[in-house]
Amino acid sequence: MKKVLFCTILMCGASSLFALDNGLALTPPMGWNSWNKFACNVSESLIREAADSIVSTGMKDAGYQYVVIDDCWQVSRDAEGNIVPDATRFPGGMKALADYVHSKGLKFGIYSDAGTKTCAGRPGARGYEFQDARQYAAWGVDYLKFDWCNATTQNSEASYSLMHDALAKSGRPIVFSICDWGSTKPWLWAGKVGNLWRTTGDIQDKWDVKRDWGGNGVVEILDLQDGIEQAAGPGHWNDPDMLEVGNGGMTVTEYRSHFSLWCLMAAPLMAGNDLGHMTDEIRAILINKEAIAVDQDPLGYQGRRVKRDGKSEVWSKQMADGSRTVALLNRGDAEAEIGVAWTDIGYPNSLSAAVRDLWAHQDLGAHQGSFSAKVPSHGVVLVTVRPGVK
């Protein structure tokens, strides 16, 4: 018994022993959220169209499941304290909308806030946690994103634990997404409370930017993930925020890097673009099944940075079959040759291994001891390294 316990700690991190066990999100959740593109401009028709697009674009076949309405769907509470949706924007009501999403073979998500008001000033859940959870279950909600605005003097662990308890008693399995922006280091406590937790301020549709109010570009967020990887695992994930792929603020190369790195970090993959009007290039990024397989690997290991040389970096993720996925990342302004030695990723130099490029979808042959490639500015070369090939 002691040997089994030791192996569990070694493979998954000690925090996994205290992880939430609700049987949900055993691989990082995949879906779409309305906020990054549409903010408060949400409606019943928008959500239906998003669900339709997830099916028609091949995203459902690639693994995307959740259709999540973010802030601004709610307007008030009635005399009994029940949360009231915006009847103008959602005339059919939330139950009918959830039923429509479910009819597409997808799952339905919603948003609320631990404080008295949401970030957009709509009614929050404070004091109504159990009542709201029962309502969500009655509507058919499968996923709850729970924000941290207007929380004043509340204790985050206590507030999120209260909603965790409410969801557990709701009678319906609901993925619990904690969103305190990493402000209380949730990777240290949230494993037993939620299925995923935000680790940073809000993502910006930029490669490299830091806002005074806490927003971060892709590479700033990437740096903040390094060192907290042991908190992640099946059912409990570090969440570096939703995807900006396709929203127009970055190049296709940068979007491909953004997606690659989120996959390597076993991050939730929540698309945030206009699904009905994306280009073929953006669609190809979002439905790259070889990259998605890295994210959804059942071992649940979060990749980490194993080498840094100026603006050149190597990130590596251990896979369930014993292989490694490696990202060669060029943060510089010019093309660079970047190499990885097998010893950087836990293999001996004498090992012969097959290398496959996950964006070119091409086998690159057997390599012994190392691999290198030319990487464009702000680009990534994403490969698998599989031992045993001579």
Protein backbone atom coordinates (compact mmCIF):
# COMPACT_ATOMS: atom_id res chain seq x y z
CA MET A 1 0.00 0.00 0.00
CA LYS A 2 2.80 2.42 0.82
CA LYS A 3 4.39 1.76 -2.57
CA VAL A 4 1.13 2.62 -4.39
CA LEU A 5 0.82 5.86 -2.43
CA PHE A 6 4.41 6.82 -3.24
CA CYS A 7 3.86 6.26 -6.94
CA THR A 8 0.72 8.38 -6.90
CA ILE A 9 2.58 11.29 -5.36
CA LEU A 10 5.48 10.89 -7.77
CA MET A 11 3.37 10.78 -10.89
CA CYS A 12 0.60 13.25 -10.07
CA GLY A 13 1.77 15.49 -7.25
CA ALA A 14 0.78 15.40 -3.61
CA SER A 15 -2.14 17.78 -4.24
CA SER A 16 -3.87 15.07 -6.29
CA LEU A 17 -4.50 13.11 -3.11
CA PHE A 18 -6.81 15.93 -2.03
CA ALA A 19 -8.50 16.49 -5.39
CA LEU A 20 -12.21 16.97 -5.95
CA ASP A 21 -13.76 13.58 -6.72
CA ASN A 22 -17.02 14.37 -8.52
CA GLY A 23 -16.16 12.23 -11.54
CA LEU A 24 -16.09 15.24 -13.87
CA ALA A 25 -13.42 16.86 -16.05
CA LEU A 26 -11.11 13.86 -15.96
CA THR A 27 -9.44 15.52 -18.93
CA PRO A 28 -9.34 19.30 -19.34
CA PRO A 29 -12.77 20.68 -20.33
CA MET A 30 -13.19 21.73 -23.96
CA GLY A 31 -15.84 24.08 -25.26
CA TRP A 32 -16.71 27.68 -26.08
CA ASN A 33 -17.37 30.74 -23.91
CA SER A 34 -19.06 33.95 -25.03
CA TRP A 35 -16.96 36.54 -23.17
CA ASN A 36 -13.75 37.07 -25.13
CA LYS A 37 -15.55 38.01 -28.36
CA PHE A 38 -19.03 39.12 -27.34
CA ALA A 39 -18.72 40.32 -23.70
CA CYS A 40 -22.22 41.45 -22.58
CA ASN A 41 -23.72 41.15 -26.06
CA VAL A 42 -25.15 37.70 -25.39
CA SER A 43 -28.50 36.30 -26.49
CA GLU A 44 -30.43 33.13 -27.05
CA SER A 45 -29.78 33.29 -30.80
CA LEU A 46 -26.02 33.73 -30.27
CA ILE A 47 -25.81 30.66 -28.04
CA ARG A 48 -27.87 28.56 -30.43
CA GLU A 49 -25.66 29.65 -33.33
CA ALA A 50 -22.53 28.81 -31.33
CA ALA A 51 -23.86 25.33 -30.64
CA ASP A 52 -24.70 24.87 -34.32
CA SER A 53 -21.21 26.03 -35.32
CA ILE A 54 -19.45 23.68 -32.91
CA VAL A 55 -21.16 20.84 -34.75
CA SER A 56 -20.86 22.15 -38.33
CA THR A 57 -17.19 23.18 -38.09
CA GLY A 58 -16.02 19.81 -36.81
CA MET A 59 -15.25 21.15 -33.34
CA LYS A 60 -17.61 18.69 -31.69
CA ASP A 61 -15.88 15.81 -33.47
CA ALA A 62 -12.55 17.23 -32.25
CA GLY A 63 -13.72 17.06 -28.62
CA TYR A 64 -15.38 20.39 -27.80
CA GLN A 65 -18.39 19.87 -25.52
CA TYR A 66 -19.41 22.87 -23.44
CA VAL A 67 -21.32 25.94 -24.64
CA VAL A 68 -20.97 28.51 -21.86
CA ILE A 69 -22.81 31.83 -21.47
CA ASP A 70 -20.63 34.26 -19.55
CA ASP A 71 -21.77 37.44 -17.75
CA CYS A 72 -24.89 39.53 -18.55
CA TRP A 73 -27.53 36.84 -19.04
CA GLN A 74 -29.17 37.70 -15.68
CA VAL A 75 -31.02 40.91 -14.74
CA SER A 76 -32.62 40.56 -11.29
CA ARG A 77 -34.13 38.30 -8.65
CA ASP A 78 -37.85 37.74 -8.21
CA ALA A 79 -39.83 38.04 -4.97
CA GLU A 80 -38.73 34.55 -3.93
CA GLY A 81 -35.06 35.31 -4.63
CA ASN A 82 -34.85 33.26 -7.82
CA ILE A 83 -32.36 34.47 -10.40
CA VAL A 84 -34.13 35.99 -13.43
CA PRO A 85 -32.70 35.79 -16.98
CA ASP A 86 -33.01 38.71 -19.39
CA ALA A 87 -36.38 37.97 -21.03
CA THR A 88 -35.63 40.23 -24.00
CA ARG A 89 -32.37 38.53 -24.90
CA PHE A 90 -33.42 35.02 -23.78
CA PRO A 91 -37.16 34.91 -24.56
CA GLY A 92 -37.35 31.12 -24.50
CA GLY A 93 -35.73 30.83 -21.08
CA MET A 94 -32.70 28.92 -19.92
CA LYS A 95 -34.29 25.47 -19.74
CA ALA A 96 -35.28 25.58 -23.41
CA LEU A 97 -31.84 26.88 -24.37
CA ALA A 98 -30.13 24.11 -22.41
CA ASP A 99 -32.42 21.59 -24.10
CA TYR A 100 -31.37 22.92 -27.51
CA VAL A 101 -27.68 22.66 -26.67
CA HIS A 102 -28.22 19.13 -25.36
CA SER A 103 -30.09 18.21 -28.56
CA LYS A 104 -26.85 18.89 -30.44
CA GLY A 105 -25.00 16.38 -28.27
CA LEU A 106 -23.29 19.20 -26.35
CA LYS A 107 -23.34 20.46 -22.76
CA PHE A 108 -24.62 23.75 -21.39
CA GLY A 109 -22.72 26.15 -19.14
CA ILE A 110 -23.55 29.34 -17.28
CA TYR A 111 -21.85 32.09 -15.29
CA SER A 112 -22.25 33.62 -11.85
CA ASP A 113 -20.18 35.37 -9.21
CA ALA A 114 -19.29 34.72 -5.57
CA GLY A 115 -19.93 38.36 -4.67
CA THR A 116 -23.08 40.43 -4.40
CA LYS A 117 -22.82 41.48 -8.05
CA THR A 118 -21.12 40.09 -11.13
CA CYS A 119 -18.27 41.91 -12.85
CA ALA A 120 -20.84 43.59 -15.12
CA GLY A 121 -23.02 44.61 -12.17
CA ARG A 122 -25.67 41.90 -12.52
CA PRO A 123 -26.98 39.97 -9.47
CA GLY A 124 -24.30 37.80 -7.86
CA ALA A 125 -24.77 34.59 -5.90
CA ARG A 126 -23.74 35.66 -2.41
CA GLY A 127 -26.42 34.44 0.01
CA TYR A 128 -28.22 32.50 -2.76
CA GLU A 129 -25.72 29.72 -3.46
CA PHE A 130 -27.97 26.74 -2.72
CA GLN A 131 -31.01 28.34 -4.34
CA ASP A 132 -29.06 29.14 -7.49
CA ALA A 133 -27.49 25.70 -7.66
CA ARG A 134 -30.95 24.10 -7.51
CA GLN A 135 -32.11 26.43 -10.26
CA TYR A 136 -29.12 25.60 -12.47
CA ALA A 137 -29.78 21.90 -12.02
CA ALA A 138 -33.46 22.37 -12.94
CA TRP A 139 -32.44 24.22 -16.10
CA GLY A 140 -30.02 21.44 -17.10
CA VAL A 141 -26.76 23.29 -16.53
CA ASP A 142 -23.59 21.16 -16.87
CA TYR A 143 -20.87 23.75 -16.15
CA LEU A 144 -20.62 26.78 -13.85
CA LYS A 145 -18.01 29.52 -14.17
CA PHE A 146 -17.93 31.35 -10.81
CA ASP A 147 -16.25 34.78 -10.78
CA TRP A 148 -14.80 36.91 -7.95
CA CYS A 149 -16.00 40.49 -8.48
CA ASN A 150 -17.65 42.50 -5.67
CA ALA A 151 -16.57 39.94 -3.08
CA THR A 152 -15.36 42.63 -0.63
CA THR A 153 -14.18 40.94 2.59
CA GLN A 154 -15.16 37.39 1.65
CA ASN A 155 -12.68 34.55 2.06
CA SER A 156 -12.22 32.91 -1.32
CA GLU A 157 -11.74 29.34 -0.13
CA ALA A 158 -14.82 29.57 2.08
CA SER A 159 -16.94 31.23 -0.63
CA TYR A 160 -16.00 28.75 -3.32
CA SER A 161 -16.40 25.83 -0.91
CA LEU A 162 -19.94 26.99 -0.19
CA MET A 163 -20.85 26.90 -3.87
CA HIS A 164 -19.06 23.55 -4.20
CA ASP A 165 -21.36 22.19 -1.47
CA ALA A 166 -24.40 23.72 -3.16
CA LEU A 167 -23.57 22.12 -6.50
CA ALA A 168 -22.92 18.77 -4.81
CA LYS A 169 -26.45 18.88 -3.35
CA SER A 170 -28.13 20.14 -6.52
CA GLY A 171 -28.86 16.67 -7.84
CA ARG A 172 -27.00 17.24 -11.12
CA PRO A 173 -23.31 16.77 -12.04
CA ILE A 174 -21.97 20.27 -12.78
CA VAL A 175 -18.34 21.08 -13.61
CA PHE A 176 -17.16 23.82 -11.23
CA SER A 177 -14.87 26.47 -12.72
CA ILE A 178 -13.30 28.77 -10.09
CA CYS A 179 -12.38 32.23 -11.36
CA ASP A 180 -10.58 34.28 -8.70
CA TRP A 181 -7.88 35.26 -11.28
CA GLY A 182 -5.18 33.46 -9.25
CA SER A 183 -5.45 36.19 -6.63
CA THR A 184 -5.41 33.78 -3.68
CA LYS A 185 -3.12 31.14 -5.22
CA PRO A 186 -5.98 28.67 -5.75
CA TRP A 187 -3.56 25.97 -6.95
CA LEU A 188 -2.69 25.59 -3.25
CA TRP A 189 -6.26 24.97 -2.03
CA ALA A 190 -8.79 24.61 -4.86
CA GLY A 191 -8.07 21.01 -5.83
CA LYS A 192 -10.64 19.72 -3.37
CA VAL A 193 -13.17 22.44 -4.22
CA GLY A 194 -13.32 22.89 -8.01
CA ASN A 195 -12.56 21.11 -11.25
CA LEU A 196 -10.50 24.01 -12.59
CA TRP A 197 -9.29 27.35 -11.30
CA ARG A 198 -7.96 30.46 -12.98
CA THR A 199 -4.30 31.07 -12.31
CA THR A 200 -3.90 34.60 -13.73
CA GLY A 201 -5.62 37.86 -14.58
CA ASP A 202 -7.75 38.02 -17.71
CA ILE A 203 -6.09 37.00 -20.94
CA GLN A 204 -5.61 39.67 -23.61
CA ASP A 205 -5.66 39.06 -27.35
CA LYS A 206 -1.98 39.98 -27.49
CA TRP A 207 1.30 38.08 -27.58
CA ASP A 208 3.11 40.22 -25.03
CA VAL A 209 1.25 42.82 -22.92
CA LYS A 210 0.54 43.50 -19.28
CA ARG A 211 -2.40 45.70 -18.24
CA ASP A 212 -2.40 47.71 -15.01
CA TRP A 213 -5.72 46.12 -14.05
CA GLY A 214 -4.35 42.62 -14.28
CA GLY A 215 -4.78 41.57 -17.90
CA ASN A 216 -1.97 39.52 -19.43
CA GLY A 217 -0.73 38.55 -22.86
CA VAL A 218 0.02 34.97 -23.85
CA VAL A 219 3.68 34.88 -22.81
CA GLU A 220 3.01 36.57 -19.45
CA ILE A 221 0.40 33.94 -18.70
CA LEU A 222 2.78 31.22 -19.83
CA ASP A 223 5.44 32.37 -17.36
CA LEU A 224 2.91 32.31 -14.51
CA GLN A 225 2.17 28.60 -15.13
CA ASP A 226 5.78 27.52 -14.68
CA GLY A 227 6.20 26.01 -11.22
CA ILE A 228 2.56 25.23 -10.38
CA GLU A 229 2.20 22.16 -12.59
CA GLN A 230 1.97 19.70 -9.68
CA ALA A 231 -1.47 21.08 -8.77
CA ALA A 232 -2.99 19.79 -12.01
CA GLY A 233 -4.32 16.33 -12.80
CA PRO A 234 -7.49 14.41 -13.75
CA GLY A 235 -10.51 16.27 -12.37
CA HIS A 236 -8.56 19.34 -11.19
CA TRP A 237 -6.80 21.69 -13.59
CA ASN A 238 -4.84 24.91 -13.61
CA ASP A 239 -6.70 27.29 -15.91
CA PRO A 240 -4.59 29.93 -17.71
CA ASP A 241 -7.83 31.43 -19.10
CA MET A 242 -9.82 30.99 -22.27
CA LEU A 243 -8.44 30.90 -25.80
CA GLU A 244 -8.13 34.07 -27.87
CA VAL A 245 -7.50 32.12 -31.09
CA GLY A 246 -9.22 33.91 -33.96
CA ASN A 247 -10.10 37.21 -32.29
CA GLY A 248 -7.77 39.30 -34.46
CA GLY A 249 -5.14 40.63 -32.08
CA MET A 250 -2.38 38.16 -32.98
CA THR A 251 -0.91 36.56 -36.07
CA VAL A 252 -1.77 33.04 -37.18
CA THR A 253 1.71 31.97 -36.03
CA GLU A 254 1.09 33.44 -32.58
CA TYR A 255 -2.34 31.81 -32.37
CA ARG A 256 -0.80 28.46 -33.27
CA SER A 257 1.75 28.95 -30.48
CA HIS A 258 -0.98 29.99 -28.04
CA PHE A 259 -2.98 26.85 -28.79
CA SER A 260 0.09 24.57 -28.74
CA LEU A 261 1.22 25.80 -25.33
CA TRP A 262 -2.26 25.52 -23.80
CA CYS A 263 -2.41 21.92 -25.06
CA LEU A 264 1.02 21.16 -23.64
CA MET A 265 -0.01 22.62 -20.27
CA ALA A 266 -3.14 20.44 -20.08
CA ALA A 267 -5.19 23.64 -19.96
CA PRO A 268 -8.94 23.78 -20.44
CA LEU A 269 -9.56 24.57 -24.10
CA MET A 270 -12.42 27.08 -24.13
CA ALA A 271 -12.60 28.78 -27.51
CA GLY A 272 -13.64 32.43 -27.37
CA ASN A 273 -14.02 33.54 -30.99
CA ASP A 274 -16.89 34.02 -33.42
CA LEU A 275 -17.28 30.42 -34.50
CA GLY A 276 -19.63 31.16 -37.37
CA HIS A 277 -17.22 33.53 -39.12
CA MET A 278 -13.73 32.10 -38.58
CA THR A 279 -11.23 31.56 -41.36
CA ASP A 280 -10.04 28.15 -42.46
CA GLU A 281 -6.65 28.88 -40.86
CA ILE A 282 -8.23 29.54 -37.46
CA ARG A 283 -10.50 26.52 -37.74
CA ALA A 284 -7.46 24.35 -38.55
CA ILE A 285 -5.80 25.50 -35.33
CA LEU A 286 -8.83 24.83 -33.15
CA ILE A 287 -9.51 21.35 -34.55
CA ASN A 288 -5.95 20.01 -34.77
CA LYS A 289 -6.68 16.59 -33.30
CA GLU A 290 -3.00 15.73 -32.80
CA ALA A 291 -2.48 18.82 -30.63
CA ILE A 292 -5.78 18.24 -28.84
CA ALA A 293 -4.72 14.66 -28.04
CA VAL A 294 -1.77 16.15 -26.14
CA ASP A 295 -4.14 18.28 -24.05
CA GLN A 296 -6.52 15.37 -23.46
CA ASP A 297 -3.88 12.77 -22.59
CA PRO A 298 -5.32 10.66 -19.73
CA LEU A 299 -2.20 10.92 -17.56
CA GLY A 300 -3.17 14.54 -16.98
CA TYR A 301 0.41 15.77 -16.65
CA GLN A 302 0.87 19.53 -17.05
CA GLY A 303 3.86 20.31 -19.22
CA ARG A 304 6.66 22.48 -17.88
CA ARG A 305 9.60 24.54 -19.07
CA VAL A 306 12.74 22.41 -19.09
CA LYS A 307 15.19 24.75 -20.83
CA ARG A 308 15.62 28.46 -21.46
CA ASP A 309 18.33 30.14 -23.52
CA GLY A 310 17.54 33.81 -23.98
CA LYS A 311 14.38 34.00 -26.06
CA SER A 312 14.50 30.30 -26.94
CA GLU A 313 12.67 27.84 -24.70
CA VAL A 314 11.87 24.13 -24.50
CA TRP A 315 8.68 22.91 -22.83
CA SER A 316 7.96 19.22 -22.26
CA LYS A 317 4.94 17.13 -21.28
CA GLN A 318 5.02 13.52 -20.17
CA MET A 319 2.40 11.36 -21.91
CA ALA A 320 0.55 8.29 -20.69
CA ASP A 321 2.35 6.00 -23.17
CA GLY A 322 5.79 7.08 -21.97
CA SER A 323 6.46 9.45 -24.85
CA ARG A 324 7.05 13.19 -24.52
CA THR A 325 5.44 16.11 -26.29
CA VAL A 326 7.92 18.94 -26.76
CA ALA A 327 7.34 22.57 -27.72
CA LEU A 328 10.28 24.51 -29.10
CA LEU A 329 9.23 28.12 -28.43
CA ASN A 330 10.81 31.20 -30.01
CA ARG A 331 9.88 34.33 -28.07
CA GLY A 332 12.32 36.43 -30.11
CA ASP A 333 11.81 38.73 -33.07
CA ALA A 334 13.76 36.66 -35.61
CA GLU A 335 13.82 33.02 -36.70
CA ALA A 336 15.96 30.82 -34.43
CA GLU A 337 17.33 27.29 -34.40
CA ILE A 338 16.16 25.63 -31.19
CA GLY A 339 17.25 22.22 -29.98
CA VAL A 340 16.23 19.78 -27.29
CA ALA A 341 18.55 17.13 -25.86
CA TRP A 342 16.97 13.89 -24.74
CA THR A 343 18.43 14.50 -21.28
CA ASP A 344 16.33 17.70 -21.09
CA ILE A 345 13.18 15.59 -21.21
CA GLY A 346 14.18 12.65 -19.05
CA TYR A 347 15.66 10.28 -21.64
CA PRO A 348 19.26 9.06 -22.04
CA ASN A 349 21.30 10.44 -24.93
CA SER A 350 21.80 6.91 -26.26
CA LEU A 351 18.05 6.60 -26.92
CA SER A 352 16.76 6.42 -30.48
CA ALA A 353 13.31 7.99 -30.78
CA ALA A 354 10.78 8.78 -33.48
CA VAL A 355 9.90 12.45 -33.84
CA ARG A 356 6.59 13.64 -35.31
CA ASP A 357 5.60 17.23 -36.13
CA LEU A 358 2.03 17.79 -34.86
CA TRP A 359 1.31 20.83 -37.06
CA ALA A 360 2.85 19.47 -40.26
CA HIS A 361 1.28 16.08 -39.42
CA GLN A 362 4.51 14.55 -40.59
CA ASP A 363 6.90 11.91 -39.24
CA LEU A 364 10.44 13.30 -39.09
CA GLY A 365 12.25 9.99 -38.67
CA ALA A 366 14.39 8.55 -35.89
CA HIS A 367 16.73 10.80 -33.90
CA GLN A 368 19.33 9.83 -31.35
CA GLY A 369 20.19 12.09 -28.43
CA SER A 370 18.58 15.31 -29.63
CA PHE A 371 16.37 17.13 -32.09
CA SER A 372 16.44 20.71 -33.42
CA ALA A 373 14.40 22.81 -35.80
CA LYS A 374 14.15 26.31 -37.21
CA VAL A 375 11.36 28.13 -35.35
CA PRO A 376 9.80 31.36 -36.67
CA SER A 377 9.53 34.49 -34.54
CA HIS A 378 6.82 33.99 -31.89
CA GLY A 379 6.37 30.49 -33.23
CA VAL A 380 6.36 26.96 -31.86
CA VAL A 381 7.47 23.66 -33.30
CA LEU A 382 5.34 21.04 -31.54
CA VAL A 383 6.59 17.45 -31.73
CA THR A 384 6.17 14.10 -30.06
CA VAL A 385 9.28 12.13 -29.12
CA ARG A 386 8.56 8.42 -28.95
CA PRO A 387 11.29 6.04 -27.73
CA GLY A 388 12.19 2.68 -29.14
CA VAL A 389 12.66 3.40 -32.84
CA LYS A 390 15.97 2.39 -34.43
